[in-house]
Amino acid sequence: MGNLIRKTITIDDKIYKNIKRINPKANFSDIVRKALSEYIENMNIQEALNLKGTWQNDIEDSVKFVDELRKDNGRQIGEWSNS
């Protein structure tokens, strides 16, 4: 765990009562830390899913670029051209 900070939060009383009902010995800070960690993980997953497919055109263009580089255009192996 990194450095800790103290923050004041406001939550619905029903949420707090449900936490205490489910686990009367629960450490509220631990529960909030776990909930926020899960939230961050879910948001990171959602962000990655939102990127799905956005690189497809870049990949196709990159393949075409590399294929062009691999063409010898009549040159001998090891022969370089400045053109």
N, C-alpha and C. Protein backbone atom coordinates (compact mmCIF):
# COMPACT_ATOMS: atom_id res chain seq x y z
N MET A 1 0.85 -1.18 0.00
CA MET A 1 0.00 0.00 0.00
C MET A 1 0.89 1.24 0.00
N GLY A 2 0.49 2.24 -0.73
CA GLY A 2 1.25 3.48 -0.82
C GLY A 2 0.98 4.38 0.38
N ASN A 3 1.27 5.64 0.21
CA ASN A 3 0.98 6.62 1.26
C ASN A 3 -0.52 6.73 1.45
N LEU A 4 -0.93 6.91 2.68
CA LEU A 4 -2.35 7.04 2.99
C LEU A 4 -2.73 8.50 3.11
N ILE A 5 -3.93 8.82 2.67
CA ILE A 5 -4.48 10.15 2.86
C ILE A 5 -5.81 10.01 3.57
N ARG A 6 -6.19 11.02 4.27
CA ARG A 6 -7.48 11.01 4.98
C ARG A 6 -8.43 11.92 4.22
N LYS A 7 -9.59 11.38 3.87
CA LYS A 7 -10.63 12.14 3.17
C LYS A 7 -11.96 11.92 3.86
N THR A 8 -12.80 12.89 3.82
CA THR A 8 -14.15 12.77 4.35
C THR A 8 -15.09 12.48 3.19
N ILE A 9 -15.93 11.46 3.34
CA ILE A 9 -16.89 11.14 2.29
C ILE A 9 -18.29 11.16 2.87
N THR A 10 -19.24 11.34 2.00
CA THR A 10 -20.65 11.32 2.40
C THR A 10 -21.30 10.16 1.65
N ILE A 11 -21.91 9.26 2.40
CA ILE A 11 -22.61 8.12 1.79
C ILE A 11 -24.01 8.01 2.38
N ASP A 12 -24.83 7.31 1.67
CA ASP A 12 -26.19 7.05 2.13
C ASP A 12 -26.14 6.19 3.39
N ASP A 13 -26.93 6.54 4.36
CA ASP A 13 -26.99 5.80 5.63
C ASP A 13 -27.33 4.33 5.41
N LYS A 14 -28.16 4.04 4.42
CA LYS A 14 -28.54 2.65 4.14
C LYS A 14 -27.32 1.82 3.73
N ILE A 15 -26.43 2.43 2.97
CA ILE A 15 -25.22 1.71 2.55
C ILE A 15 -24.39 1.35 3.77
N TYR A 16 -24.18 2.33 4.64
CA TYR A 16 -23.38 2.08 5.84
C TYR A 16 -24.02 1.01 6.73
N LYS A 17 -25.32 1.09 6.90
CA LYS A 17 -26.03 0.10 7.73
C LYS A 17 -25.93 -1.30 7.11
N ASN A 18 -26.01 -1.38 5.79
CA ASN A 18 -25.88 -2.68 5.12
C ASN A 18 -24.49 -3.26 5.31
N ILE A 19 -23.47 -2.41 5.24
CA ILE A 19 -22.11 -2.89 5.48
C ILE A 19 -22.01 -3.46 6.89
N LYS A 20 -22.51 -2.72 7.87
CA LYS A 20 -22.43 -3.17 9.26
C LYS A 20 -23.30 -4.41 9.51
N ARG A 21 -24.41 -4.52 8.79
CA ARG A 21 -25.25 -5.71 8.93
C ARG A 21 -24.55 -6.94 8.36
N ILE A 22 -23.94 -6.77 7.19
CA ILE A 22 -23.26 -7.88 6.54
C ILE A 22 -22.03 -8.30 7.34
N ASN A 23 -21.26 -7.32 7.80
CA ASN A 23 -20.04 -7.63 8.55
C ASN A 23 -19.86 -6.58 9.64
N PRO A 24 -20.38 -6.86 10.84
CA PRO A 24 -20.31 -5.87 11.92
C PRO A 24 -18.88 -5.47 12.30
N LYS A 25 -17.92 -6.34 12.05
CA LYS A 25 -16.53 -6.04 12.40
C LYS A 25 -15.75 -5.41 11.24
N ALA A 26 -16.45 -5.10 10.17
CA ALA A 26 -15.79 -4.58 8.97
C ALA A 26 -15.12 -3.24 9.25
N ASN A 27 -13.93 -3.09 8.70
CA ASN A 27 -13.21 -1.82 8.77
C ASN A 27 -13.67 -0.99 7.57
N PHE A 28 -14.34 0.11 7.85
CA PHE A 28 -14.94 0.91 6.79
C PHE A 28 -13.90 1.39 5.79
N SER A 29 -12.73 1.81 6.26
CA SER A 29 -11.68 2.28 5.35
C SER A 29 -11.24 1.17 4.40
N ASP A 30 -11.11 -0.06 4.91
CA ASP A 30 -10.73 -1.18 4.06
C ASP A 30 -11.78 -1.44 2.98
N ILE A 31 -13.05 -1.32 3.38
CA ILE A 31 -14.13 -1.54 2.42
C ILE A 31 -14.11 -0.47 1.33
N VAL A 32 -13.91 0.78 1.72
CA VAL A 32 -13.86 1.87 0.74
C VAL A 32 -12.66 1.69 -0.18
N ARG A 33 -11.50 1.32 0.37
CA ARG A 33 -10.31 1.10 -0.45
C ARG A 33 -10.56 -0.01 -1.48
N LYS A 34 -11.17 -1.11 -1.00
CA LYS A 34 -11.45 -2.23 -1.91
C LYS A 34 -12.44 -1.80 -3.00
N ALA A 35 -13.48 -1.10 -2.60
CA ALA A 35 -14.49 -0.65 -3.57
C ALA A 35 -13.88 0.28 -4.61
N LEU A 36 -13.03 1.20 -4.17
CA LEU A 36 -12.40 2.12 -5.12
C LEU A 36 -11.42 1.40 -6.02
N SER A 37 -10.69 0.43 -5.49
CA SER A 37 -9.76 -0.36 -6.32
C SER A 37 -10.52 -1.12 -7.39
N GLU A 38 -11.65 -1.73 -7.02
CA GLU A 38 -12.47 -2.45 -7.99
C GLU A 38 -13.05 -1.50 -9.03
N TYR A 39 -13.45 -0.31 -8.59
CA TYR A 39 -13.97 0.69 -9.51
C TYR A 39 -12.91 1.08 -10.54
N ILE A 40 -11.70 1.34 -10.06
CA ILE A 40 -10.60 1.71 -10.96
C ILE A 40 -10.32 0.58 -11.95
N GLU A 41 -10.29 -0.65 -11.46
CA GLU A 41 -10.05 -1.80 -12.34
C GLU A 41 -11.13 -1.90 -13.41
N ASN A 42 -12.39 -1.74 -13.01
CA ASN A 42 -13.49 -1.81 -13.97
C ASN A 42 -13.42 -0.68 -14.99
N MET A 43 -13.03 0.52 -14.55
CA MET A 43 -12.91 1.64 -15.47
C MET A 43 -11.76 1.41 -16.45
N ASN A 44 -10.65 0.84 -15.98
CA ASN A 44 -9.53 0.52 -16.87
C ASN A 44 -9.93 -0.51 -17.91
N ILE A 45 -10.69 -1.51 -17.49
CA ILE A 45 -11.18 -2.52 -18.43
C ILE A 45 -12.11 -1.87 -19.46
N GLN A 46 -13.01 -1.01 -18.98
CA GLN A 46 -13.94 -0.34 -19.89
C GLN A 46 -13.19 0.53 -20.88
N GLU A 47 -12.16 1.23 -20.40
CA GLU A 47 -11.36 2.08 -21.28
C GLU A 47 -10.67 1.25 -22.36
N ALA A 48 -10.14 0.09 -21.97
CA ALA A 48 -9.49 -0.79 -22.94
C ALA A 48 -10.51 -1.32 -23.95
N LEU A 49 -11.69 -1.69 -23.49
CA LEU A 49 -12.73 -2.18 -24.40
C LEU A 49 -13.17 -1.10 -25.36
N ASN A 50 -13.19 0.15 -24.90
CA ASN A 50 -13.58 1.26 -25.78
C ASN A 50 -12.56 1.49 -26.89
N LEU A 51 -11.31 1.08 -26.66
CA LEU A 51 -10.27 1.23 -27.68
C LEU A 51 -10.29 0.12 -28.71
N LYS A 52 -11.04 -0.94 -28.42
CA LYS A 52 -11.09 -2.10 -29.31
C LYS A 52 -11.45 -1.66 -30.73
N GLY A 53 -10.60 -2.01 -31.66
CA GLY A 53 -10.87 -1.73 -33.06
C GLY A 53 -10.34 -0.39 -33.54
N THR A 54 -9.92 0.48 -32.62
CA THR A 54 -9.47 1.80 -33.07
C THR A 54 -8.12 1.74 -33.75
N TRP A 55 -7.36 0.68 -33.54
CA TRP A 55 -6.04 0.56 -34.16
C TRP A 55 -6.09 -0.29 -35.42
N GLN A 56 -7.24 -0.80 -35.80
CA GLN A 56 -7.34 -1.70 -36.94
C GLN A 56 -6.77 -1.08 -38.21
N ASN A 57 -7.14 0.16 -38.49
CA ASN A 57 -6.63 0.82 -39.71
C ASN A 57 -5.13 1.03 -39.62
N ASP A 58 -4.63 1.38 -38.45
CA ASP A 58 -3.19 1.57 -38.27
C ASP A 58 -2.44 0.27 -38.55
N ILE A 59 -2.98 -0.85 -38.10
CA ILE A 59 -2.34 -2.14 -38.32
C ILE A 59 -2.29 -2.45 -39.81
N GLU A 60 -3.41 -2.25 -40.50
CA GLU A 60 -3.45 -2.52 -41.94
C GLU A 60 -2.47 -1.62 -42.68
N ASP A 61 -2.42 -0.33 -42.32
CA ASP A 61 -1.50 0.60 -42.96
C ASP A 61 -0.05 0.19 -42.67
N SER A 62 0.22 -0.26 -41.46
CA SER A 62 1.58 -0.67 -41.10
C SER A 62 2.01 -1.89 -41.89
N VAL A 63 1.11 -2.83 -42.09
CA VAL A 63 1.43 -4.03 -42.87
C VAL A 63 1.76 -3.63 -44.31
N LYS A 64 0.97 -2.73 -44.89
CA LYS A 64 1.23 -2.26 -46.25
C LYS A 64 2.58 -1.56 -46.32
N PHE A 65 2.91 -0.74 -45.33
CA PHE A 65 4.17 -0.02 -45.29
C PHE A 65 5.36 -0.98 -45.25
N VAL A 66 5.28 -1.99 -44.38
CA VAL A 66 6.36 -2.97 -44.26
C VAL A 66 6.48 -3.77 -45.55
N ASP A 67 5.35 -4.15 -46.13
CA ASP A 67 5.40 -4.88 -47.41
C ASP A 67 6.10 -4.06 -48.48
N GLU A 68 5.85 -2.74 -48.53
CA GLU A 68 6.52 -1.87 -49.50
C GLU A 68 8.03 -1.82 -49.23
N LEU A 69 8.40 -1.75 -47.97
CA LEU A 69 9.82 -1.73 -47.62
C LEU A 69 10.53 -3.01 -48.04
N ARG A 70 9.81 -4.11 -48.02
CA ARG A 70 10.41 -5.41 -48.34
C ARG A 70 10.58 -5.63 -49.84
N LYS A 71 9.90 -4.84 -50.66
CA LYS A 71 10.05 -4.98 -52.11
C LYS A 71 11.46 -4.58 -52.50
N ASP A 72 12.04 -5.31 -53.43
CA ASP A 72 13.42 -4.98 -53.81
C ASP A 72 13.48 -3.96 -54.95
N ASN A 73 12.39 -3.74 -55.67
CA ASN A 73 12.33 -2.76 -56.75
C ASN A 73 13.52 -2.87 -57.70
N GLY A 74 13.95 -4.10 -58.02
CA GLY A 74 15.02 -4.33 -58.98
C GLY A 74 16.42 -4.16 -58.43
N ARG A 75 16.57 -3.86 -57.17
CA ARG A 75 17.90 -3.70 -56.60
C ARG A 75 18.50 -5.06 -56.28
N GLN A 76 19.79 -5.10 -56.23
CA GLN A 76 20.48 -6.31 -55.80
C GLN A 76 20.51 -6.31 -54.26
N ILE A 77 20.58 -7.51 -53.71
CA ILE A 77 20.64 -7.62 -52.26
C ILE A 77 21.86 -6.87 -51.75
N GLY A 78 21.68 -6.05 -50.75
CA GLY A 78 22.75 -5.27 -50.16
C GLY A 78 22.99 -3.94 -50.86
N GLU A 79 22.30 -3.71 -51.97
CA GLU A 79 22.45 -2.45 -52.70
C GLU A 79 21.45 -1.44 -52.13
N TRP A 80 21.94 -0.26 -51.81
CA TRP A 80 21.07 0.76 -51.24
C TRP A 80 20.84 1.86 -52.24
N SER A 81 19.72 2.50 -52.13
CA SER A 81 19.40 3.61 -53.00
C SER A 81 19.02 4.81 -52.14
N ASN A 82 19.44 6.00 -52.55
CA ASN A 82 19.06 7.21 -51.82
C ASN A 82 17.74 7.78 -52.30
N SER A 83 17.12 7.16 -53.26
CA SER A 83 15.88 7.71 -53.80
C SER A 83 14.68 7.30 -53.00
